[in-house]
PDB file of N, CA and C in Angstrom:
ATOM      1  N   MET A   1     271.478 263.846  97.153  1.00  0.00           N
ATOM      2  CA  MET A   1     272.297 263.176  96.163  1.00  0.00           C
ATOM      3  C   MET A   1     273.230 264.168  95.464  1.00  0.00           C
ATOM      4  N   GLN A   2     272.726 265.387  95.239  1.00  0.00           N
ATOM      5  CA  GLN A   2     273.550 266.383  94.554  1.00  0.00           C
ATOM      6  C   GLN A   2     274.769 266.761  95.396  1.00  0.00           C
ATOM      7  N   LYS A   3     274.572 266.888  96.694  1.00  0.00           N
ATOM      8  CA  LYS A   3     275.688 267.244  97.573  1.00  0.00           C
ATOM      9  C   LYS A   3     276.741 266.147  97.586  1.00  0.00           C
ATOM     10  N   ARG A   4     276.302 264.903  97.549  1.00  0.00           N
ATOM     11  CA  ARG A   4     277.251 263.777  97.540  1.00  0.00           C
ATOM     12  C   ARG A   4     278.063 263.755  96.255  1.00  0.00           C
ATOM     13  N   LEU A   5     277.410 264.017  95.120  1.00  0.00           N
ATOM     14  CA  LEU A   5     278.125 264.035  93.844  1.00  0.00           C
ATOM     15  C   LEU A   5     279.120 265.192  93.792  1.00  0.00           C
ATOM     16  N   ILE A   6     278.739 266.342  94.324  1.00  0.00           N
ATOM     17  CA  ILE A   6     279.659 267.474  94.369  1.00  0.00           C
ATOM     18  C   ILE A   6     280.841 267.151  95.273  1.00  0.00           C
ATOM     19  N   LEU A   7     280.574 266.546  96.426  1.00  0.00           N
ATOM     20  CA  LEU A   7     281.648 266.159  97.339  1.00  0.00           C
ATOM     21  C   LEU A   7     282.582 265.137  96.689  1.00  0.00           C
ATOM     22  N   LEU A   8     282.013 264.161  96.001  1.00  0.00           N
ATOM     23  CA  LEU A   8     282.835 263.168  95.302  1.00  0.00           C
ATOM     24  C   LEU A   8     283.697 263.832  94.233  1.00  0.00           C
ATOM     25  N   GLY A   9     283.125 264.780  93.506  1.00  0.00           N
ATOM     26  CA  GLY A   9     283.891 265.510  92.495  1.00  0.00           C
ATOM     27  C   GLY A   9     285.030 266.293  93.104  1.00  0.00           C
ATOM     28  N   LEU A  10     284.784 266.921  94.244  1.00  0.00           N
ATOM     29  CA  LEU A  10     285.844 267.672  94.920  1.00  0.00           C
ATOM     30  C   LEU A  10     286.946 266.757  95.439  1.00  0.00           C
ATOM     31  N   ILE A  11     286.552 265.588  95.935  1.00  0.00           N
ATOM     32  CA  ILE A  11     287.549 264.616  96.405  1.00  0.00           C
ATOM     33  C   ILE A  11     288.405 264.132  95.246  1.00  0.00           C
ATOM     34  N   LEU A  12     287.775 263.830  94.116  1.00  0.00           N
ATOM     35  CA  LEU A  12     288.526 263.391  92.941  1.00  0.00           C
ATOM     36  C   LEU A  12     289.436 264.500  92.414  1.00  0.00           C
ATOM     37  N   LEU A  13     288.957 265.732  92.451  1.00  0.00           N
ATOM     38  CA  LEU A  13     289.782 266.866  92.031  1.00  0.00           C
ATOM     39  C   LEU A  13     290.999 267.011  92.937  1.00  0.00           C
ATOM     40  N   ALA A  14     290.787 266.904  94.249  1.00  0.00           N
ATOM     41  CA  ALA A  14     291.897 267.005  95.199  1.00  0.00           C
ATOM     42  C   ALA A  14     292.899 265.864  94.999  1.00  0.00           C
ATOM     43  N   ALA A  15     292.387 264.655  94.754  1.00  0.00           N
ATOM     44  CA  ALA A  15     293.292 263.520  94.516  1.00  0.00           C
ATOM     45  C   ALA A  15     294.078 263.721  93.221  1.00  0.00           C
ATOM     46  N   GLY A  16     293.446 264.276  92.218  1.00  0.00           N
ATOM     47  CA  GLY A  16     294.134 264.542  90.958  1.00  0.00           C
ATOM     48  C   GLY A  16     295.227 265.586  91.111  1.00  0.00           C
ATOM     49  N   LEU A  17     294.946 266.624  91.884  1.00  0.00           N
ATOM     50  CA  LEU A  17     295.954 267.659  92.112  1.00  0.00           C
ATOM     51  C   LEU A  17     297.095 267.161  92.991  1.00  0.00           C
ATOM     52  N   ALA A  18     296.797 266.243  93.902  1.00  0.00           N
ATOM     53  CA  ALA A  18     297.814 265.714  94.808  1.00  0.00           C
ATOM     54  C   ALA A  18     298.497 264.464  94.258  1.00  0.00           C
ATOM     55  N   TRP A  19     298.203 264.086  93.025  1.00  0.00           N
ATOM     56  CA  TRP A  19     298.732 262.840  92.465  1.00  0.00           C
ATOM     57  C   TRP A  19     300.262 262.736  92.499  1.00  0.00           C
ATOM     58  N   PRO A  20     301.017 263.805  92.215  1.00  0.00           N
ATOM     59  CA  PRO A  20     302.485 263.652  92.287  1.00  0.00           C
ATOM     60  C   PRO A  20     302.971 263.187  93.661  1.00  0.00           C
ATOM     61  N   TRP A  21     302.276 263.580  94.717  1.00  0.00           N
ATOM     62  CA  TRP A  21     302.667 263.162  96.073  1.00  0.00           C
ATOM     63  C   TRP A  21     302.052 261.815  96.433  1.00  0.00           C
ATOM     64  N   LEU A  22     300.869 261.530  95.919  1.00  0.00           N
ATOM     65  CA  LEU A  22     300.213 260.253  96.217  1.00  0.00           C
ATOM     66  C   LEU A  22     300.932 259.076  95.565  1.00  0.00           C
ATOM     67  N   ARG A  23     301.619 259.320  94.447  1.00  0.00           N
ATOM     68  CA  ARG A  23     302.347 258.242  93.766  1.00  0.00           C
ATOM     69  C   ARG A  23     303.451 257.675  94.639  1.00  0.00           C
ATOM     70  N   ARG A  24     303.957 258.468  95.543  1.00  0.00           N
ATOM     71  CA  ARG A  24     305.067 258.040  96.401  1.00  0.00           C
ATOM     72  C   ARG A  24     304.629 257.112  97.526  1.00  0.00           C
ATOM     73  N   LEU A  25     303.332 256.862  97.681  1.00  0.00           N
ATOM     74  CA  LEU A  25     302.835 256.008  98.757  1.00  0.00           C
ATOM     75  C   LEU A  25     303.028 254.519  98.483  1.00  0.00           C
ATOM     76  N   ALA A  26     303.442 254.160  97.295  1.00  0.00           N
ATOM     77  CA  ALA A  26     303.707 252.773  96.894  1.00  0.00           C
ATOM     78  C   ALA A  26     302.437 251.930  96.819  1.00  0.00           C
ATOM     79  N   LEU A  27     301.301 252.571  96.597  1.00  0.00           N
ATOM     80  CA  LEU A  27     300.077 251.787  96.397  1.00  0.00           C
ATOM     81  C   LEU A  27     300.198 251.038  95.074  1.00  0.00           C
ATOM     82  N   GLY A  28     299.810 249.796  95.074  1.00  0.00           N
ATOM     83  CA  GLY A  28     299.959 248.956  93.892  1.00  0.00           C
ATOM     84  C   GLY A  28     301.229 248.131  93.922  1.00  0.00           C
ATOM     85  N   ARG A  29     302.096 248.397  94.885  1.00  0.00           N
ATOM     86  CA  ARG A  29     303.350 247.654  95.029  1.00  0.00           C
ATOM     87  C   ARG A  29     303.519 247.131  96.443  1.00  0.00           C
ATOM     88  N   LEU A  30     302.401 246.903  97.130  1.00  0.00           N
ATOM     89  CA  LEU A  30     302.460 246.395  98.498  1.00  0.00           C
ATOM     90  C   LEU A  30     302.725 244.892  98.506  1.00  0.00           C
ATOM     91  N   PRO A  31     303.277 244.368  99.597  1.00  0.00           N
ATOM     92  CA  PRO A  31     303.438 242.914  99.696  1.00  0.00           C
ATOM     93  C   PRO A  31     302.067 242.235  99.626  1.00  0.00           C
ATOM     94  N   GLY A  32     301.946 241.266  98.788  1.00  0.00           N
ATOM     95  CA  GLY A  32     300.673 240.575  98.606  1.00  0.00           C
ATOM     96  C   GLY A  32     300.000 240.937  97.299  1.00  0.00           C
ATOM     97  N   ASP A  33     300.418 242.028  96.671  1.00  0.00           N
ATOM     98  CA  ASP A  33     299.901 242.375  95.354  1.00  0.00           C
ATOM     99  C   ASP A  33     300.502 241.419  94.326  1.00  0.00           C
ATOM    100  N   ILE A  34     299.681 240.966  93.417  1.00  0.00           N
ATOM    101  CA  ILE A  34     300.113 239.984  92.428  1.00  0.00           C
ATOM    102  C   ILE A  34     300.546 240.721  91.160  1.00  0.00           C
ATOM    103  N   HIS A  35     301.766 240.461  90.716  1.00  0.00           N
ATOM    104  CA  HIS A  35     302.290 241.071  89.495  1.00  0.00           C
ATOM    105  C   HIS A  35     303.074 240.001  88.736  1.00  0.00           C
ATOM    106  N   ILE A  36     302.569 239.640  87.582  1.00  0.00           N
ATOM    107  CA  ILE A  36     303.200 238.606  86.759  1.00  0.00           C
ATOM    108  C   ILE A  36     303.637 239.238  85.449  1.00  0.00           C
ATOM    109  N   VAL A  37     304.899 239.081  85.118  1.00  0.00           N
ATOM    110  CA  VAL A  37     305.433 239.599  83.867  1.00  0.00           C
ATOM    111  C   VAL A  37     306.058 238.438  83.108  1.00  0.00           C
ATOM    112  N   ARG A  38     305.567 238.214  81.922  1.00  0.00           N
ATOM    113  CA  ARG A  38     306.137 237.204  81.030  1.00  0.00           C
ATOM    114  C   ARG A  38     306.372 237.853  79.675  1.00  0.00           C
ATOM    115  N   GLU A  39     307.007 237.158  78.794  1.00  0.00           N
ATOM    116  CA  GLU A  39     307.279 237.699  77.467  1.00  0.00           C
ATOM    117  C   GLU A  39     305.968 237.987  76.733  1.00  0.00           C
ATOM    118  N   GLY A  40     305.746 239.247  76.431  1.00  0.00           N
ATOM    119  CA  GLY A  40     304.546 239.648  75.712  1.00  0.00           C
ATOM    120  C   GLY A  40     303.286 239.678  76.571  1.00  0.00           C
ATOM    121  N   PHE A  41     303.421 239.564  77.896  1.00  0.00           N
ATOM    122  CA  PHE A  41     302.252 239.490  78.769  1.00  0.00           C
ATOM    123  C   PHE A  41     302.589 240.100  80.125  1.00  0.00           C
ATOM    124  N   SER A  42     301.679 240.891  80.636  1.00  0.00           N
ATOM    125  CA  SER A  42     301.839 241.475  81.961  1.00  0.00           C
ATOM    126  C   SER A  42     300.490 241.458  82.654  1.00  0.00           C
ATOM    127  N   PHE A  43     300.462 240.983  83.902  1.00  0.00           N
ATOM    128  CA  PHE A  43     299.229 240.907  84.670  1.00  0.00           C
ATOM    129  C   PHE A  43     299.484 241.510  86.042  1.00  0.00           C
ATOM    130  N   ASN A  44     298.632 242.446  86.441  1.00  0.00           N
ATOM    131  CA  ASN A  44     298.775 243.101  87.729  1.00  0.00           C
ATOM    132  C   ASN A  44     297.439 243.036  88.450  1.00  0.00           C
ATOM    133  N   PHE A  45     297.433 242.484  89.669  1.00  0.00           N
ATOM    134  CA  PHE A  45     296.226 242.406  90.494  1.00  0.00           C
ATOM    135  C   PHE A  45     296.579 242.886  91.894  1.00  0.00           C
ATOM    136  N   PRO A  46     296.329 244.166  92.178  1.00  0.00           N
ATOM    137  CA  PRO A  46     296.726 244.740  93.471  1.00  0.00           C
ATOM    138  C   PRO A  46     295.702 244.454  94.563  1.00  0.00           C
ATOM    139  N   ILE A  47     295.608 243.216  94.996  1.00  0.00           N
ATOM    140  CA  ILE A  47     294.580 242.818  95.956  1.00  0.00           C
ATOM    141  C   ILE A  47     294.783 243.469  97.328  1.00  0.00           C
ATOM    142  N   VAL A  48     295.995 243.544  97.820  1.00  0.00           N
ATOM    143  CA  VAL A  48     296.250 244.145  99.132  1.00  0.00           C
ATOM    144  C   VAL A  48     296.011 245.653  99.071  1.00  0.00           C
ATOM    145  N   THR A  49     296.396 246.276  97.981  1.00  0.00           N
ATOM    146  CA  THR A  49     296.142 247.699  97.809  1.00  0.00           C
ATOM    147  C   THR A  49     294.647 247.977  97.824  1.00  0.00           C
ATOM    148  N   CYS A  50     293.861 247.145  97.158  1.00  0.00           N
ATOM    149  CA  CYS A  50     292.401 247.308  97.152  1.00  0.00           C
ATOM    150  C   CYS A  50     291.832 247.160  98.557  1.00  0.00           C
ATOM    151  N   LEU A  51     292.353 246.216  99.328  1.00  0.00           N
ATOM    152  CA  LEU A  51     291.889 246.038 100.697  1.00  0.00           C
ATOM    153  C   LEU A  51     292.224 247.246 101.568  1.00  0.00           C
ATOM    154  N   VAL A  52     293.420 247.778 101.427  1.00  0.00           N
ATOM    155  CA  VAL A  52     293.832 248.943 102.212  1.00  0.00           C
ATOM    156  C   VAL A  52     292.965 250.149 101.860  1.00  0.00           C
ATOM    157  N   ILE A  53     292.740 250.388 100.580  1.00  0.00           N
ATOM    158  CA  ILE A  53     291.903 251.511 100.153  1.00  0.00           C
ATOM    159  C   ILE A  53     290.478 251.327 100.652  1.00  0.00           C
ATOM    160  N   SER A  54     289.964 250.116 100.608  1.00  0.00           N
ATOM    161  CA  SER A  54     288.613 249.844 101.081  1.00  0.00           C
ATOM    162  C   SER A  54     288.474 250.134 102.570  1.00  0.00           C
ATOM    163  N   VAL A  55     289.453 249.742 103.354  1.00  0.00           N
ATOM    164  CA  VAL A  55     289.412 249.999 104.800  1.00  0.00           C
ATOM    165  C   VAL A  55     289.475 251.497 105.077  1.00  0.00           C
ATOM    166  N   VAL A  56     290.341 252.206 104.384  1.00  0.00           N
ATOM    167  CA  VAL A  56     290.479 253.649 104.594  1.00  0.00           C
ATOM    168  C   VAL A  56     289.190 254.377 104.213  1.00  0.00           C
ATOM    169  N   VAL A  57     288.611 254.044 103.077  1.00  0.00           N
ATOM    170  CA  VAL A  57     287.358 254.689 102.650  1.00  0.00           C
ATOM    171  C   VAL A  57     286.225 254.345 103.610  1.00  0.00           C
ATOM    172  N   SER A  58     286.168 253.106 104.065  1.00  0.00           N
ATOM    173  CA  SER A  58     285.132 252.712 105.028  1.00  0.00           C
ATOM    174  C   SER A  58     285.262 253.489 106.333  1.00  0.00           C
ATOM    175  N   LEU A  59     286.484 253.669 106.818  1.00  0.00           N
ATOM    176  CA  LEU A  59     286.695 254.440 108.043  1.00  0.00           C
ATOM    177  C   LEU A  59     286.305 255.906 107.859  1.00  0.00           C
ATOM    178  N   ILE A  60     286.648 256.476 106.729  1.00  0.00           N
ATOM    179  CA  ILE A  60     286.290 257.870 106.459  1.00  0.00           C
ATOM    180  C   ILE A  60     284.775 258.032 106.408  1.00  0.00           C
ATOM    181  N   LEU A  61     284.096 257.140 105.707  1.00  0.00           N
ATOM    182  CA  LEU A  61     282.636 257.216 105.629  1.00  0.00           C
ATOM    183  C   LEU A  61     282.003 257.001 106.996  1.00  0.00           C
ATOM    184  N   TRP A  62     282.560 256.104 107.782  1.00  0.00           N
ATOM    185  CA  TRP A  62     282.039 255.852 109.131  1.00  0.00           C
ATOM    186  C   TRP A  62     282.171 257.102 109.996  1.00  0.00           C
ATOM    187  N   LEU A  63     283.312 257.788 109.877  1.00  0.00           N
ATOM    188  CA  LEU A  63     283.527 259.005 110.661  1.00  0.00           C
ATOM    189  C   LEU A  63     282.569 260.122 110.241  1.00  0.00           C
ATOM    190  N   PHE A  64     282.287 260.239 108.946  1.00  0.00           N
ATOM    191  CA  PHE A  64     281.383 261.283 108.466  1.00  0.00           C
ATOM    192  C   PHE A  64     279.929 261.028 108.886  1.00  0.00           C
ATOM    193  N   ARG A  65     279.563 259.772 109.066  1.00  0.00           N
ATOM    194  CA  ARG A  65     278.191 259.452 109.438  1.00  0.00           C
ATOM    195  C   ARG A  65     277.927 259.643 110.922  1.00  0.00           C
ATOM    196  N   ARG A  66     278.953 259.744 111.744  1.00  0.00           N
ATOM    197  CA  ARG A  66     278.776 259.929 113.195  1.00  0.00           C
ATOM    198  C   ARG A  66     278.406 261.320 113.522  1.00  0.00           C
TER     199      ARG A  66
END
């Protein structure tokens, strides 16, 4: 468990350091993401982005377990 937490921390650190480049991937603005803006109200539900991230993380975990 300790190794997994350290690995997760390193992954989060790497993502934080790479954030200026990761912002350019347009995650959160994919077709199918729901974004509603009204006067005094804003709602954002990035459903397609969540699906894409879930598939990528699942593939990475699958590759590490082999």
